[in-house]
């Protein structure tokens, strides 16, 4: 089950983020986003603007980013909307963080396919590296949450870390992944086993010739 966010103290949040404004680059991007939608349909720009704002907060804090209330108010004001119309979007989608997170936001899928394929081992590996559900590590590197289905059931168990999916995990490969991220080393995105995207483990079992060439099977099928 998804973890409830622990909202920070409002006075502290307003002191830090009360004067939020776009960077010049993001102001230009925000204008392009708003221009996509006709007059009277400004609320349609809520999602991309919230994402842009979260990324700006992330860049300013060296984290994955989150949405302080003043930042949500800023987006609502720019769109000419009541705060609640934008807040309800931010609270509906788990892609938006309503509380500060670390540099790496580790979201472990705990839904049935991942659970059956070993999500408990993934969580155990996270615990072994000091990660605790709903909390950020003392060094600010990792925030851990257990979430609902992330849509990679074929390659379960999996986690989403910031914008990337890491699939076909085990206890050991999860440890290796976390260690590499902590050390600033490159990591392999996607399946962590011998699998291309969601193809069968070990490679294709049919139409094998198509792996290396555009093979014409028509003569063989007659």
N, C-alpha and C. Protein backbone atom coordinates (compact mmCIF):
# COMPACT_ATOMS: atom_id res chain seq x y z
N UNK A 1 0.84 -1.18 0.00
CA UNK A 1 0.00 0.00 0.00
C UNK A 1 0.88 1.24 0.00
N UNK A 2 0.47 2.28 -0.74
CA UNK A 2 1.23 3.50 -0.80
C UNK A 2 1.29 4.17 0.57
N UNK A 3 2.42 4.81 0.86
CA UNK A 3 2.62 5.44 2.15
C UNK A 3 2.09 6.87 2.13
N UNK A 4 1.44 7.29 3.21
CA UNK A 4 0.92 8.65 3.32
C UNK A 4 2.09 9.62 3.51
N UNK A 5 2.09 10.73 2.76
CA UNK A 5 3.18 11.69 2.90
C UNK A 5 3.12 12.41 4.24
N UNK A 6 4.29 12.72 4.79
CA UNK A 6 4.39 13.48 6.03
C UNK A 6 4.66 14.94 5.66
N UNK A 7 3.63 15.76 5.67
CA UNK A 7 3.73 17.14 5.22
C UNK A 7 4.59 17.95 6.20
N UNK A 8 5.59 18.68 5.72
CA UNK A 8 6.44 19.48 6.60
C UNK A 8 5.68 20.65 7.23
N UNK A 9 6.29 21.28 8.22
CA UNK A 9 5.70 22.42 8.90
C UNK A 9 5.49 23.56 7.90
N UNK A 10 4.28 24.13 7.88
CA UNK A 10 3.93 25.12 6.86
C UNK A 10 4.76 26.39 7.00
N UNK A 11 5.03 26.83 8.22
CA UNK A 11 5.80 28.06 8.40
C UNK A 11 7.20 27.91 7.80
N UNK A 12 7.83 26.77 8.02
CA UNK A 12 9.16 26.53 7.46
C UNK A 12 9.11 26.47 5.94
N UNK A 13 8.06 25.83 5.44
CA UNK A 13 7.93 25.70 3.99
C UNK A 13 7.75 27.07 3.33
N UNK A 14 6.91 27.91 3.93
CA UNK A 14 6.67 29.23 3.35
C UNK A 14 7.91 30.12 3.45
N UNK A 15 8.67 29.95 4.50
CA UNK A 15 9.90 30.73 4.63
C UNK A 15 10.90 30.37 3.53
N UNK A 16 10.91 29.10 3.15
CA UNK A 16 11.88 28.64 2.14
C UNK A 16 11.37 28.84 0.73
N UNK A 17 10.06 28.63 0.50
CA UNK A 17 9.55 28.58 -0.87
C UNK A 17 8.51 29.65 -1.19
N UNK A 18 8.27 30.57 -0.27
CA UNK A 18 7.23 31.55 -0.49
C UNK A 18 7.46 32.46 -1.67
N UNK A 19 8.71 32.64 -2.08
CA UNK A 19 9.03 33.51 -3.21
C UNK A 19 9.43 32.72 -4.46
N UNK A 20 8.90 31.52 -4.57
CA UNK A 20 9.24 30.67 -5.73
C UNK A 20 8.88 31.37 -7.03
N UNK A 21 9.77 31.28 -8.00
CA UNK A 21 9.51 31.79 -9.35
C UNK A 21 10.29 30.94 -10.34
N UNK A 22 9.84 30.90 -11.55
CA UNK A 22 10.53 30.11 -12.58
C UNK A 22 11.94 30.65 -12.82
N UNK A 23 12.84 29.76 -13.13
CA UNK A 23 14.11 30.19 -13.71
C UNK A 23 13.82 30.71 -15.12
N UNK A 24 14.70 31.50 -15.71
CA UNK A 24 14.45 31.98 -17.07
C UNK A 24 14.15 30.87 -18.07
N UNK A 25 14.91 29.77 -17.96
CA UNK A 25 14.70 28.66 -18.88
C UNK A 25 13.33 28.02 -18.67
N UNK A 26 12.94 27.84 -17.41
CA UNK A 26 11.66 27.21 -17.12
C UNK A 26 10.49 28.16 -17.40
N UNK A 27 10.71 29.46 -17.27
CA UNK A 27 9.66 30.42 -17.63
C UNK A 27 9.33 30.31 -19.11
N UNK A 28 10.36 30.15 -19.92
CA UNK A 28 10.16 29.97 -21.36
C UNK A 28 9.43 28.66 -21.65
N UNK A 29 9.83 27.59 -20.94
CA UNK A 29 9.18 26.31 -21.13
C UNK A 29 7.73 26.35 -20.66
N UNK A 30 7.46 27.02 -19.55
CA UNK A 30 6.10 27.13 -19.03
C UNK A 30 5.20 27.86 -20.02
N UNK A 31 5.72 28.90 -20.65
CA UNK A 31 4.93 29.64 -21.65
C UNK A 31 4.57 28.74 -22.83
N UNK A 32 5.50 27.90 -23.25
CA UNK A 32 5.22 26.97 -24.34
C UNK A 32 4.15 25.96 -23.95
N UNK A 33 4.22 25.49 -22.70
CA UNK A 33 3.23 24.52 -22.23
C UNK A 33 1.84 25.14 -22.21
N UNK A 34 1.72 26.33 -21.65
CA UNK A 34 0.42 26.99 -21.55
C UNK A 34 -0.16 27.26 -22.93
N UNK A 35 0.70 27.58 -23.88
CA UNK A 35 0.24 27.90 -25.24
C UNK A 35 -0.36 26.70 -25.96
N UNK A 36 -0.15 25.50 -25.45
CA UNK A 36 -0.71 24.31 -26.10
C UNK A 36 -2.24 24.24 -25.95
N UNK A 37 -2.78 24.94 -24.97
CA UNK A 37 -4.18 24.76 -24.61
C UNK A 37 -4.99 26.03 -24.90
N UNK A 38 -6.23 25.86 -25.38
CA UNK A 38 -7.05 27.03 -25.72
C UNK A 38 -7.53 27.77 -24.46
N UNK A 39 -7.93 29.01 -24.67
CA UNK A 39 -8.46 29.82 -23.58
C UNK A 39 -9.62 29.10 -22.90
N UNK A 40 -9.61 29.10 -21.59
CA UNK A 40 -10.65 28.41 -20.83
C UNK A 40 -10.30 26.99 -20.48
N UNK A 41 -9.19 26.50 -21.03
CA UNK A 41 -8.75 25.12 -20.74
C UNK A 41 -7.40 25.11 -20.03
N UNK A 42 -7.14 26.16 -19.28
CA UNK A 42 -5.83 26.29 -18.65
C UNK A 42 -5.52 25.16 -17.68
N UNK A 43 -6.57 24.59 -17.07
CA UNK A 43 -6.31 23.54 -16.09
C UNK A 43 -5.61 22.34 -16.72
N UNK A 44 -5.74 22.18 -18.02
CA UNK A 44 -5.06 21.08 -18.70
C UNK A 44 -3.54 21.20 -18.59
N UNK A 45 -3.05 22.40 -18.33
CA UNK A 45 -1.61 22.61 -18.20
C UNK A 45 -1.11 22.32 -16.79
N UNK A 46 -2.01 21.96 -15.89
CA UNK A 46 -1.61 21.74 -14.50
C UNK A 46 -0.55 20.66 -14.37
N UNK A 47 -0.76 19.53 -15.03
CA UNK A 47 0.15 18.42 -14.86
C UNK A 47 1.56 18.74 -15.36
N UNK A 48 1.74 19.21 -16.59
CA UNK A 48 3.11 19.49 -17.02
C UNK A 48 3.76 20.63 -16.23
N UNK A 49 2.99 21.62 -15.79
CA UNK A 49 3.59 22.70 -15.00
C UNK A 49 3.99 22.22 -13.61
N UNK A 50 3.19 21.35 -13.00
CA UNK A 50 3.57 20.78 -11.70
C UNK A 50 4.83 19.94 -11.84
N UNK A 51 4.94 19.20 -12.92
CA UNK A 51 6.14 18.40 -13.15
C UNK A 51 7.35 19.31 -13.32
N UNK A 52 7.18 20.38 -14.10
CA UNK A 52 8.28 21.32 -14.31
C UNK A 52 8.69 21.96 -13.00
N UNK A 53 7.71 22.34 -12.18
CA UNK A 53 8.01 22.97 -10.89
C UNK A 53 8.73 21.99 -9.97
N UNK A 54 8.28 20.75 -9.94
CA UNK A 54 8.92 19.75 -9.09
C UNK A 54 10.38 19.54 -9.50
N UNK A 55 10.62 19.54 -10.81
CA UNK A 55 11.99 19.36 -11.28
C UNK A 55 12.86 20.57 -10.93
N UNK A 56 12.27 21.76 -10.96
CA UNK A 56 13.05 22.94 -10.59
C UNK A 56 13.40 22.88 -9.11
N UNK A 57 12.44 22.51 -8.27
CA UNK A 57 12.74 22.36 -6.84
C UNK A 57 13.83 21.31 -6.66
N UNK A 58 13.76 20.22 -7.42
CA UNK A 58 14.78 19.19 -7.33
C UNK A 58 16.16 19.70 -7.71
N UNK A 59 16.22 20.50 -8.77
CA UNK A 59 17.50 21.05 -9.20
C UNK A 59 18.07 22.00 -8.15
N UNK A 60 17.19 22.72 -7.46
CA UNK A 60 17.63 23.68 -6.45
C UNK A 60 18.02 23.03 -5.13
N UNK A 61 17.59 21.79 -4.92
CA UNK A 61 17.87 21.10 -3.66
C UNK A 61 18.72 19.85 -3.85
N UNK A 62 19.11 19.58 -5.09
CA UNK A 62 19.88 18.37 -5.42
C UNK A 62 19.16 17.11 -4.95
N UNK A 63 17.86 17.10 -5.20
CA UNK A 63 17.03 15.94 -4.88
C UNK A 63 16.18 15.59 -6.10
N UNK A 64 15.29 14.62 -5.93
CA UNK A 64 14.37 14.30 -7.01
C UNK A 64 13.27 15.34 -7.14
N UNK A 65 13.09 16.16 -6.12
CA UNK A 65 12.14 17.25 -6.19
C UNK A 65 10.82 16.96 -5.50
N UNK A 66 10.15 18.03 -5.06
CA UNK A 66 8.84 17.88 -4.45
C UNK A 66 8.06 19.17 -4.68
N UNK A 67 6.80 19.22 -4.20
CA UNK A 67 5.93 20.35 -4.45
C UNK A 67 5.48 20.99 -3.13
N UNK A 68 6.23 21.96 -2.63
CA UNK A 68 5.76 22.72 -1.46
C UNK A 68 4.46 23.45 -1.81
N UNK A 69 3.65 23.71 -0.80
CA UNK A 69 2.37 24.39 -1.03
C UNK A 69 2.54 25.72 -1.77
N UNK A 70 3.51 26.58 -1.40
CA UNK A 70 3.66 27.83 -2.14
C UNK A 70 3.97 27.62 -3.62
N UNK A 71 4.62 26.54 -3.95
CA UNK A 71 4.92 26.24 -5.35
C UNK A 71 3.64 25.86 -6.10
N UNK A 72 2.80 25.07 -5.45
CA UNK A 72 1.51 24.73 -6.05
C UNK A 72 0.67 25.99 -6.22
N UNK A 73 0.71 26.87 -5.23
CA UNK A 73 -0.02 28.14 -5.33
C UNK A 73 0.51 28.98 -6.49
N UNK A 74 1.80 28.97 -6.70
CA UNK A 74 2.41 29.70 -7.80
C UNK A 74 1.88 29.19 -9.14
N UNK A 75 1.84 27.86 -9.30
CA UNK A 75 1.32 27.28 -10.54
C UNK A 75 -0.14 27.64 -10.74
N UNK A 76 -0.94 27.56 -9.67
CA UNK A 76 -2.36 27.90 -9.77
C UNK A 76 -2.53 29.35 -10.18
N UNK A 77 -1.74 30.23 -9.60
CA UNK A 77 -1.84 31.64 -9.92
C UNK A 77 -1.50 31.90 -11.37
N UNK A 78 -0.45 31.23 -11.87
CA UNK A 78 -0.06 31.44 -13.25
C UNK A 78 -1.15 31.00 -14.22
N UNK A 79 -1.91 29.99 -13.83
CA UNK A 79 -2.97 29.48 -14.69
C UNK A 79 -4.31 30.17 -14.43
N UNK A 80 -4.35 31.07 -13.45
CA UNK A 80 -5.60 31.75 -13.14
C UNK A 80 -6.64 30.83 -12.54
N UNK A 81 -6.18 29.86 -11.76
CA UNK A 81 -7.07 28.85 -11.18
C UNK A 81 -7.08 28.97 -9.67
N UNK A 82 -8.16 28.51 -9.06
CA UNK A 82 -8.19 28.38 -7.60
C UNK A 82 -7.14 27.36 -7.18
N UNK A 83 -6.51 27.62 -6.06
CA UNK A 83 -5.47 26.72 -5.56
C UNK A 83 -5.95 25.28 -5.51
N UNK A 84 -7.20 25.05 -5.08
CA UNK A 84 -7.71 23.69 -4.92
C UNK A 84 -7.75 22.93 -6.23
N UNK A 85 -7.96 23.64 -7.36
CA UNK A 85 -8.04 22.98 -8.65
C UNK A 85 -6.70 22.37 -9.05
N UNK A 86 -5.61 22.95 -8.59
CA UNK A 86 -4.29 22.41 -8.88
C UNK A 86 -3.85 21.45 -7.79
N UNK A 87 -4.20 21.76 -6.55
CA UNK A 87 -3.84 20.88 -5.44
C UNK A 87 -4.46 19.50 -5.60
N UNK A 88 -5.70 19.44 -6.12
CA UNK A 88 -6.35 18.15 -6.28
C UNK A 88 -5.64 17.29 -7.34
N UNK A 89 -4.99 17.94 -8.29
CA UNK A 89 -4.18 17.20 -9.27
C UNK A 89 -2.92 16.66 -8.61
N UNK A 90 -2.26 17.53 -7.85
CA UNK A 90 -1.01 17.13 -7.21
C UNK A 90 -1.20 15.99 -6.22
N UNK A 91 -2.36 15.96 -5.55
CA UNK A 91 -2.60 14.91 -4.56
C UNK A 91 -3.13 13.62 -5.17
N UNK A 92 -3.61 13.69 -6.42
CA UNK A 92 -4.17 12.49 -7.05
C UNK A 92 -3.09 11.59 -7.63
N UNK A 93 -2.06 12.19 -8.22
CA UNK A 93 -1.04 11.41 -8.92
C UNK A 93 0.20 11.26 -8.04
N UNK A 94 0.67 10.01 -7.91
CA UNK A 94 1.84 9.75 -7.07
C UNK A 94 3.14 10.20 -7.73
N UNK A 95 3.09 10.65 -8.98
CA UNK A 95 4.29 11.18 -9.61
C UNK A 95 4.71 12.51 -8.96
N UNK A 96 3.79 13.12 -8.23
CA UNK A 96 4.11 14.37 -7.54
C UNK A 96 4.40 14.07 -6.07
N UNK A 97 5.49 14.61 -5.58
CA UNK A 97 5.89 14.41 -4.19
C UNK A 97 5.42 15.58 -3.34
N UNK A 98 4.65 15.29 -2.32
CA UNK A 98 4.12 16.34 -1.45
C UNK A 98 4.97 16.56 -0.21
N UNK A 99 6.06 15.87 -0.14
CA UNK A 99 6.99 16.01 0.97
C UNK A 99 8.40 15.87 0.42
N UNK A 100 9.41 16.45 1.05
CA UNK A 100 10.77 16.36 0.52
C UNK A 100 11.23 14.92 0.37
N UNK A 101 11.98 14.65 -0.68
CA UNK A 101 12.55 13.34 -0.91
C UNK A 101 14.05 13.49 -1.13
N UNK A 102 14.73 12.36 -1.18
CA UNK A 102 16.18 12.38 -1.36
C UNK A 102 16.59 12.56 -2.82
N UNK A 103 17.86 12.44 -3.06
CA UNK A 103 18.38 12.54 -4.43
C UNK A 103 17.83 11.41 -5.28
N UNK A 104 17.64 10.24 -4.66
CA UNK A 104 17.09 9.08 -5.36
C UNK A 104 15.81 8.65 -4.66
N UNK A 105 14.70 8.77 -5.35
CA UNK A 105 13.40 8.38 -4.79
C UNK A 105 13.12 6.95 -5.23
N UNK A 106 13.27 6.02 -4.31
CA UNK A 106 13.13 4.59 -4.60
C UNK A 106 11.69 4.18 -4.32
N UNK A 107 10.96 3.84 -5.37
CA UNK A 107 9.56 3.43 -5.24
C UNK A 107 9.45 1.95 -5.60
N UNK A 108 9.22 1.14 -4.59
CA UNK A 108 9.16 -0.31 -4.77
C UNK A 108 7.71 -0.72 -5.01
N UNK A 109 7.47 -1.40 -6.11
CA UNK A 109 6.12 -1.91 -6.38
C UNK A 109 5.85 -3.10 -5.48
N UNK A 110 4.73 -3.02 -4.75
CA UNK A 110 4.37 -4.12 -3.86
C UNK A 110 3.08 -4.81 -4.27
N UNK A 111 2.60 -4.52 -5.49
CA UNK A 111 1.37 -5.14 -5.96
C UNK A 111 1.61 -6.61 -6.28
N UNK A 112 0.54 -7.37 -6.46
CA UNK A 112 0.59 -8.84 -6.48
C UNK A 112 1.67 -9.44 -7.37
N UNK A 113 1.80 -9.08 -8.66
CA UNK A 113 2.85 -9.72 -9.47
C UNK A 113 4.25 -9.52 -8.90
N UNK A 114 4.54 -8.30 -8.45
CA UNK A 114 5.86 -8.06 -7.88
C UNK A 114 6.03 -8.78 -6.54
N UNK A 115 4.97 -8.82 -5.76
CA UNK A 115 5.03 -9.52 -4.48
C UNK A 115 5.34 -11.00 -4.69
N UNK A 116 4.66 -11.61 -5.67
CA UNK A 116 4.86 -13.02 -5.94
C UNK A 116 6.25 -13.31 -6.49
N UNK A 117 6.84 -12.32 -7.15
CA UNK A 117 8.14 -12.51 -7.78
C UNK A 117 9.30 -11.99 -6.92
N UNK A 118 9.01 -11.53 -5.69
CA UNK A 118 10.12 -11.22 -4.81
C UNK A 118 10.28 -9.79 -4.37
N UNK A 119 9.19 -8.99 -4.35
CA UNK A 119 9.34 -7.61 -3.88
C UNK A 119 9.77 -7.55 -2.42
N UNK A 120 9.44 -8.57 -1.65
CA UNK A 120 9.89 -8.60 -0.25
C UNK A 120 11.42 -8.64 -0.17
N UNK A 121 12.05 -9.34 -1.11
CA UNK A 121 13.51 -9.39 -1.15
C UNK A 121 14.09 -8.02 -1.52
N UNK A 122 13.39 -7.31 -2.42
CA UNK A 122 13.83 -5.97 -2.79
C UNK A 122 13.76 -5.04 -1.58
N UNK A 123 12.66 -5.11 -0.85
CA UNK A 123 12.52 -4.28 0.35
C UNK A 123 13.54 -4.67 1.41
N UNK A 124 13.83 -5.96 1.51
CA UNK A 124 14.84 -6.41 2.48
C UNK A 124 16.22 -5.85 2.13
N UNK A 125 16.53 -5.81 0.85
CA UNK A 125 17.80 -5.24 0.41
C UNK A 125 17.85 -3.75 0.73
N UNK A 126 16.73 -3.07 0.52
CA UNK A 126 16.67 -1.64 0.87
C UNK A 126 16.92 -1.44 2.36
N UNK A 127 16.30 -2.28 3.17
CA UNK A 127 16.48 -2.18 4.62
C UNK A 127 17.93 -2.43 5.00
N UNK A 128 18.57 -3.38 4.31
CA UNK A 128 19.97 -3.70 4.60
C UNK A 128 20.89 -2.52 4.31
N UNK A 129 20.45 -1.62 3.45
CA UNK A 129 21.25 -0.43 3.13
C UNK A 129 20.76 0.80 3.89
N UNK A 130 19.92 0.58 4.89
CA UNK A 130 19.51 1.67 5.76
C UNK A 130 18.30 2.44 5.30
N UNK A 131 17.59 1.95 4.28
CA UNK A 131 16.40 2.62 3.79
C UNK A 131 15.19 2.14 4.58
N UNK A 132 14.32 3.05 4.93
CA UNK A 132 13.11 2.74 5.69
C UNK A 132 11.92 3.36 4.99
N UNK A 133 10.84 2.60 4.86
CA UNK A 133 9.67 3.06 4.12
C UNK A 133 9.13 4.38 4.69
N UNK A 134 8.91 5.32 3.77
CA UNK A 134 8.36 6.60 4.17
C UNK A 134 9.37 7.58 4.72
N UNK A 135 10.66 7.22 4.65
CA UNK A 135 11.69 8.08 5.24
C UNK A 135 12.85 8.29 4.27
N UNK A 136 13.62 9.33 4.55
CA UNK A 136 14.83 9.64 3.79
C UNK A 136 16.04 9.32 4.64
N UNK A 137 17.05 8.74 4.02
CA UNK A 137 18.26 8.39 4.77
C UNK A 137 18.95 9.66 5.27
N UNK A 138 19.74 9.50 6.33
CA UNK A 138 20.36 10.64 6.99
C UNK A 138 21.27 11.44 6.06
N UNK A 139 21.85 10.76 5.06
CA UNK A 139 22.73 11.47 4.13
C UNK A 139 21.96 12.15 3.01
N UNK A 140 20.63 12.01 3.00
CA UNK A 140 19.81 12.67 2.00
C UNK A 140 19.81 12.01 0.64
N UNK A 141 20.41 10.84 0.53
CA UNK A 141 20.52 10.19 -0.78
C UNK A 141 19.24 9.49 -1.20
N UNK A 142 18.64 8.72 -0.29
CA UNK A 142 17.54 7.84 -0.67
C UNK A 142 16.27 8.12 0.14
N UNK A 143 15.16 8.12 -0.58
CA UNK A 143 13.84 8.06 0.05
C UNK A 143 13.17 6.80 -0.45
N UNK A 144 12.58 6.02 0.46
CA UNK A 144 11.95 4.75 0.09
C UNK A 144 10.45 4.81 0.31
N UNK A 145 9.71 4.39 -0.71
CA UNK A 145 8.26 4.22 -0.60
C UNK A 145 7.85 2.94 -1.28
N UNK A 146 6.83 2.29 -0.71
CA UNK A 146 6.19 1.17 -1.39
C UNK A 146 4.94 1.71 -2.08
N UNK A 147 4.80 1.39 -3.37
CA UNK A 147 3.72 1.97 -4.17
C UNK A 147 2.91 0.88 -4.85
N UNK A 148 1.83 1.31 -5.48
CA UNK A 148 0.99 0.38 -6.24
C UNK A 148 1.60 0.16 -7.61
N UNK A 149 0.93 -0.63 -8.43
CA UNK A 149 1.46 -1.12 -9.70
C UNK A 149 2.06 -0.01 -10.55
N UNK A 150 3.28 -0.25 -11.04
CA UNK A 150 3.98 0.70 -11.90
C UNK A 150 4.01 0.24 -13.36
N UNK A 151 3.27 -0.83 -13.67
CA UNK A 151 3.06 -1.22 -15.06
C UNK A 151 4.17 -2.02 -15.71
N UNK A 152 5.02 -2.65 -14.93
CA UNK A 152 6.08 -3.50 -15.50
C UNK A 152 5.96 -4.92 -14.96
N UNK A 153 4.73 -5.42 -14.91
CA UNK A 153 4.45 -6.69 -14.25
C UNK A 153 5.22 -7.86 -14.88
N UNK A 154 5.42 -7.83 -16.19
CA UNK A 154 6.12 -8.93 -16.86
C UNK A 154 7.53 -9.09 -16.33
N UNK A 155 8.13 -8.01 -15.92
CA UNK A 155 9.51 -8.03 -15.45
C UNK A 155 9.61 -7.85 -13.94
N UNK A 156 8.61 -8.29 -13.23
CA UNK A 156 8.59 -8.17 -11.78
C UNK A 156 9.69 -9.03 -11.15
N UNK A 157 10.18 -8.61 -9.96
CA UNK A 157 9.86 -7.38 -9.23
C UNK A 157 10.65 -6.20 -9.76
N UNK A 158 10.13 -5.01 -9.54
CA UNK A 158 10.77 -3.83 -10.08
C UNK A 158 10.64 -2.65 -9.13
N UNK A 159 11.48 -1.65 -9.38
CA UNK A 159 11.38 -0.39 -8.67
C UNK A 159 11.49 0.75 -9.68
N UNK A 160 10.91 1.87 -9.35
CA UNK A 160 11.15 3.09 -10.10
C UNK A 160 12.01 4.00 -9.24
N UNK A 161 13.12 4.44 -9.80
CA UNK A 161 14.00 5.38 -9.10
C UNK A 161 14.08 6.64 -9.95
N UNK A 162 13.52 7.72 -9.42
CA UNK A 162 13.37 8.97 -10.17
C UNK A 162 12.61 8.69 -11.47
N UNK A 163 13.21 8.86 -12.62
CA UNK A 163 12.47 8.69 -13.88
C UNK A 163 12.66 7.31 -14.51
N UNK A 164 13.42 6.44 -13.88
CA UNK A 164 13.81 5.18 -14.52
C UNK A 164 13.26 3.96 -13.79
N UNK A 165 12.99 2.91 -14.57
CA UNK A 165 12.56 1.62 -14.03
C UNK A 165 13.75 0.66 -13.99
N UNK A 166 13.79 -0.13 -12.93
CA UNK A 166 14.80 -1.19 -12.78
C UNK A 166 14.03 -2.47 -12.48
N UNK A 167 14.21 -3.47 -13.34
CA UNK A 167 13.31 -4.63 -13.34
C UNK A 167 14.07 -5.93 -13.15
N UNK A 168 13.30 -7.02 -12.92
CA UNK A 168 13.88 -8.36 -12.73
C UNK A 168 14.91 -8.33 -11.60
N UNK A 169 14.54 -7.69 -10.52
CA UNK A 169 15.48 -7.51 -9.41
C UNK A 169 15.51 -8.73 -8.49
N UNK A 170 16.59 -8.87 -7.79
CA UNK A 170 16.74 -9.84 -6.72
C UNK A 170 17.33 -9.10 -5.52
N UNK A 171 17.49 -9.79 -4.43
CA UNK A 171 18.11 -9.18 -3.25
C UNK A 171 19.49 -8.64 -3.61
N UNK A 172 20.31 -9.48 -4.25
CA UNK A 172 21.69 -9.09 -4.56
C UNK A 172 21.76 -7.97 -5.58
N UNK A 173 20.93 -8.05 -6.64
CA UNK A 173 21.00 -7.00 -7.66
C UNK A 173 20.47 -5.67 -7.13
N UNK A 174 19.54 -5.72 -6.18
CA UNK A 174 19.07 -4.48 -5.57
C UNK A 174 20.17 -3.85 -4.73
N UNK A 175 20.90 -4.66 -3.98
CA UNK A 175 22.04 -4.14 -3.22
C UNK A 175 23.05 -3.48 -4.15
N UNK A 176 23.35 -4.18 -5.26
CA UNK A 176 24.34 -3.65 -6.21
C UNK A 176 23.86 -2.33 -6.82
N UNK A 177 22.57 -2.25 -7.11
CA UNK A 177 22.00 -1.03 -7.69
C UNK A 177 22.12 0.13 -6.72
N UNK A 178 21.71 -0.08 -5.48
CA UNK A 178 21.78 0.98 -4.48
C UNK A 178 23.22 1.42 -4.22
N UNK A 179 24.13 0.45 -4.19
CA UNK A 179 25.54 0.78 -3.95
C UNK A 179 26.10 1.62 -5.09
N UNK A 180 25.73 1.26 -6.32
CA UNK A 180 26.23 2.01 -7.47
C UNK A 180 25.69 3.44 -7.46
N UNK A 181 24.42 3.61 -7.16
CA UNK A 181 23.84 4.95 -7.10
C UNK A 181 24.52 5.78 -6.01
N UNK A 182 24.73 5.18 -4.86
CA UNK A 182 25.36 5.90 -3.75
C UNK A 182 26.79 6.33 -4.09
N UNK A 183 27.45 5.51 -4.91
CA UNK A 183 28.84 5.80 -5.28
C UNK A 183 28.94 6.68 -6.52
N UNK A 184 27.80 7.03 -7.10
CA UNK A 184 27.81 7.86 -8.30
C UNK A 184 28.26 7.14 -9.54
N UNK A 185 28.13 5.82 -9.55
CA UNK A 185 28.54 5.01 -10.69
C UNK A 185 27.36 4.84 -11.66
N UNK A 186 27.64 4.58 -12.94
CA UNK A 186 26.56 4.35 -13.90
C UNK A 186 25.80 3.06 -13.58
N UNK A 187 24.52 3.06 -13.87
CA UNK A 187 23.69 1.88 -13.60
C UNK A 187 22.96 1.47 -14.87
N UNK A 188 22.57 0.22 -14.93
CA UNK A 188 21.83 -0.29 -16.07
C UNK A 188 20.34 -0.10 -15.82
N UNK A 189 19.68 0.64 -16.70
CA UNK A 189 18.25 0.87 -16.60
C UNK A 189 17.51 -0.29 -17.25
N UNK A 190 16.33 -0.63 -16.70
CA UNK A 190 15.52 -1.70 -17.27
C UNK A 190 15.82 -3.04 -16.63
N UNK A 191 15.67 -4.15 -17.39
CA UNK A 191 15.90 -5.48 -16.82
C UNK A 191 17.32 -5.65 -16.31
N UNK A 192 17.45 -6.30 -15.18
CA UNK A 192 18.76 -6.56 -14.60
C UNK A 192 19.23 -7.98 -14.88
N UNK A 193 18.55 -8.66 -15.79
CA UNK A 193 18.94 -10.01 -16.21
C UNK A 193 19.09 -10.01 -17.72
N UNK A 194 19.38 -11.20 -18.30
CA UNK A 194 19.55 -11.32 -19.75
C UNK A 194 18.18 -11.31 -20.42
N UNK A 195 17.68 -10.11 -20.63
CA UNK A 195 16.36 -9.94 -21.23
C UNK A 195 16.33 -8.61 -21.97
N UNK A 196 15.79 -8.62 -23.18
CA UNK A 196 15.60 -7.38 -23.92
C UNK A 196 14.18 -6.88 -23.66
N UNK A 197 14.08 -5.71 -23.04
CA UNK A 197 12.79 -5.15 -22.60
C UNK A 197 11.98 -6.22 -21.88
N UNK A 198 10.83 -6.63 -22.43
CA UNK A 198 10.01 -7.65 -21.77
C UNK A 198 9.97 -8.96 -22.56
N UNK A 199 11.00 -9.19 -23.38
CA UNK A 199 11.10 -10.46 -24.11
C UNK A 199 11.38 -11.60 -23.14
N UNK A 200 11.26 -12.85 -23.58
CA UNK A 200 11.55 -13.98 -22.69
C UNK A 200 12.98 -13.94 -22.18
N UNK A 201 13.19 -14.45 -20.98
CA UNK A 201 14.53 -14.53 -20.43
C UNK A 201 15.42 -15.36 -21.34
N UNK A 202 16.64 -14.88 -21.58
CA UNK A 202 17.57 -15.60 -22.43
C UNK A 202 17.43 -15.30 -23.91
N UNK A 203 16.46 -14.48 -24.27
CA UNK A 203 16.30 -14.11 -25.67
C UNK A 203 15.04 -14.71 -26.29
N UNK A 204 14.78 -14.35 -27.55
CA UNK A 204 13.55 -14.81 -28.23
C UNK A 204 13.49 -16.33 -28.36
N UNK A 205 12.28 -16.87 -28.30
CA UNK A 205 12.08 -18.31 -28.51
C UNK A 205 11.46 -18.60 -29.87
N UNK A 206 10.97 -17.58 -30.54
CA UNK A 206 10.42 -17.72 -31.89
C UNK A 206 10.97 -16.58 -32.75
N UNK A 207 10.90 -16.76 -34.07
CA UNK A 207 11.38 -15.75 -35.02
C UNK A 207 12.79 -15.28 -34.66
N UNK A 208 13.64 -16.22 -34.30
CA UNK A 208 14.98 -15.88 -33.83
C UNK A 208 15.82 -15.18 -34.89
N UNK A 209 15.56 -15.52 -36.16
CA UNK A 209 16.35 -14.91 -37.23
C UNK A 209 16.14 -13.40 -37.32
N UNK A 210 15.01 -12.92 -36.80
CA UNK A 210 14.69 -11.50 -36.87
C UNK A 210 15.56 -10.66 -35.92
N UNK A 211 16.31 -11.32 -35.05
CA UNK A 211 17.16 -10.60 -34.11
C UNK A 211 18.25 -9.84 -34.85
N UNK A 212 18.80 -10.43 -35.91
CA UNK A 212 19.94 -9.84 -36.61
C UNK A 212 19.62 -9.34 -38.01
N UNK A 213 18.46 -9.69 -38.55
CA UNK A 213 18.15 -9.26 -39.92
C UNK A 213 16.63 -9.28 -40.12
N UNK A 214 16.21 -8.61 -41.17
CA UNK A 214 14.79 -8.63 -41.54
C UNK A 214 14.53 -9.88 -42.35
N UNK A 215 14.44 -11.01 -41.67
CA UNK A 215 14.36 -12.32 -42.33
C UNK A 215 12.99 -12.53 -42.99
N UNK A 216 13.00 -13.08 -44.20
CA UNK A 216 11.78 -13.36 -44.94
C UNK A 216 11.40 -14.81 -44.70
N UNK A 217 10.31 -15.01 -43.95
CA UNK A 217 9.86 -16.36 -43.59
C UNK A 217 8.86 -16.93 -44.59
N UNK A 218 8.48 -16.16 -45.58
CA UNK A 218 7.36 -16.58 -46.41
C UNK A 218 7.61 -17.93 -47.10
N UNK A 219 8.82 -18.17 -47.53
CA UNK A 219 9.10 -19.45 -48.19
C UNK A 219 9.00 -20.63 -47.24
N UNK A 220 9.27 -20.39 -45.98
CA UNK A 220 9.23 -21.46 -44.99
C UNK A 220 7.82 -21.76 -44.53
N UNK A 221 6.90 -20.83 -44.73
CA UNK A 221 5.54 -21.00 -44.23
C UNK A 221 4.61 -21.62 -45.28
N UNK A 222 5.08 -21.79 -46.49
CA UNK A 222 4.22 -22.34 -47.54
C UNK A 222 4.12 -23.87 -47.44
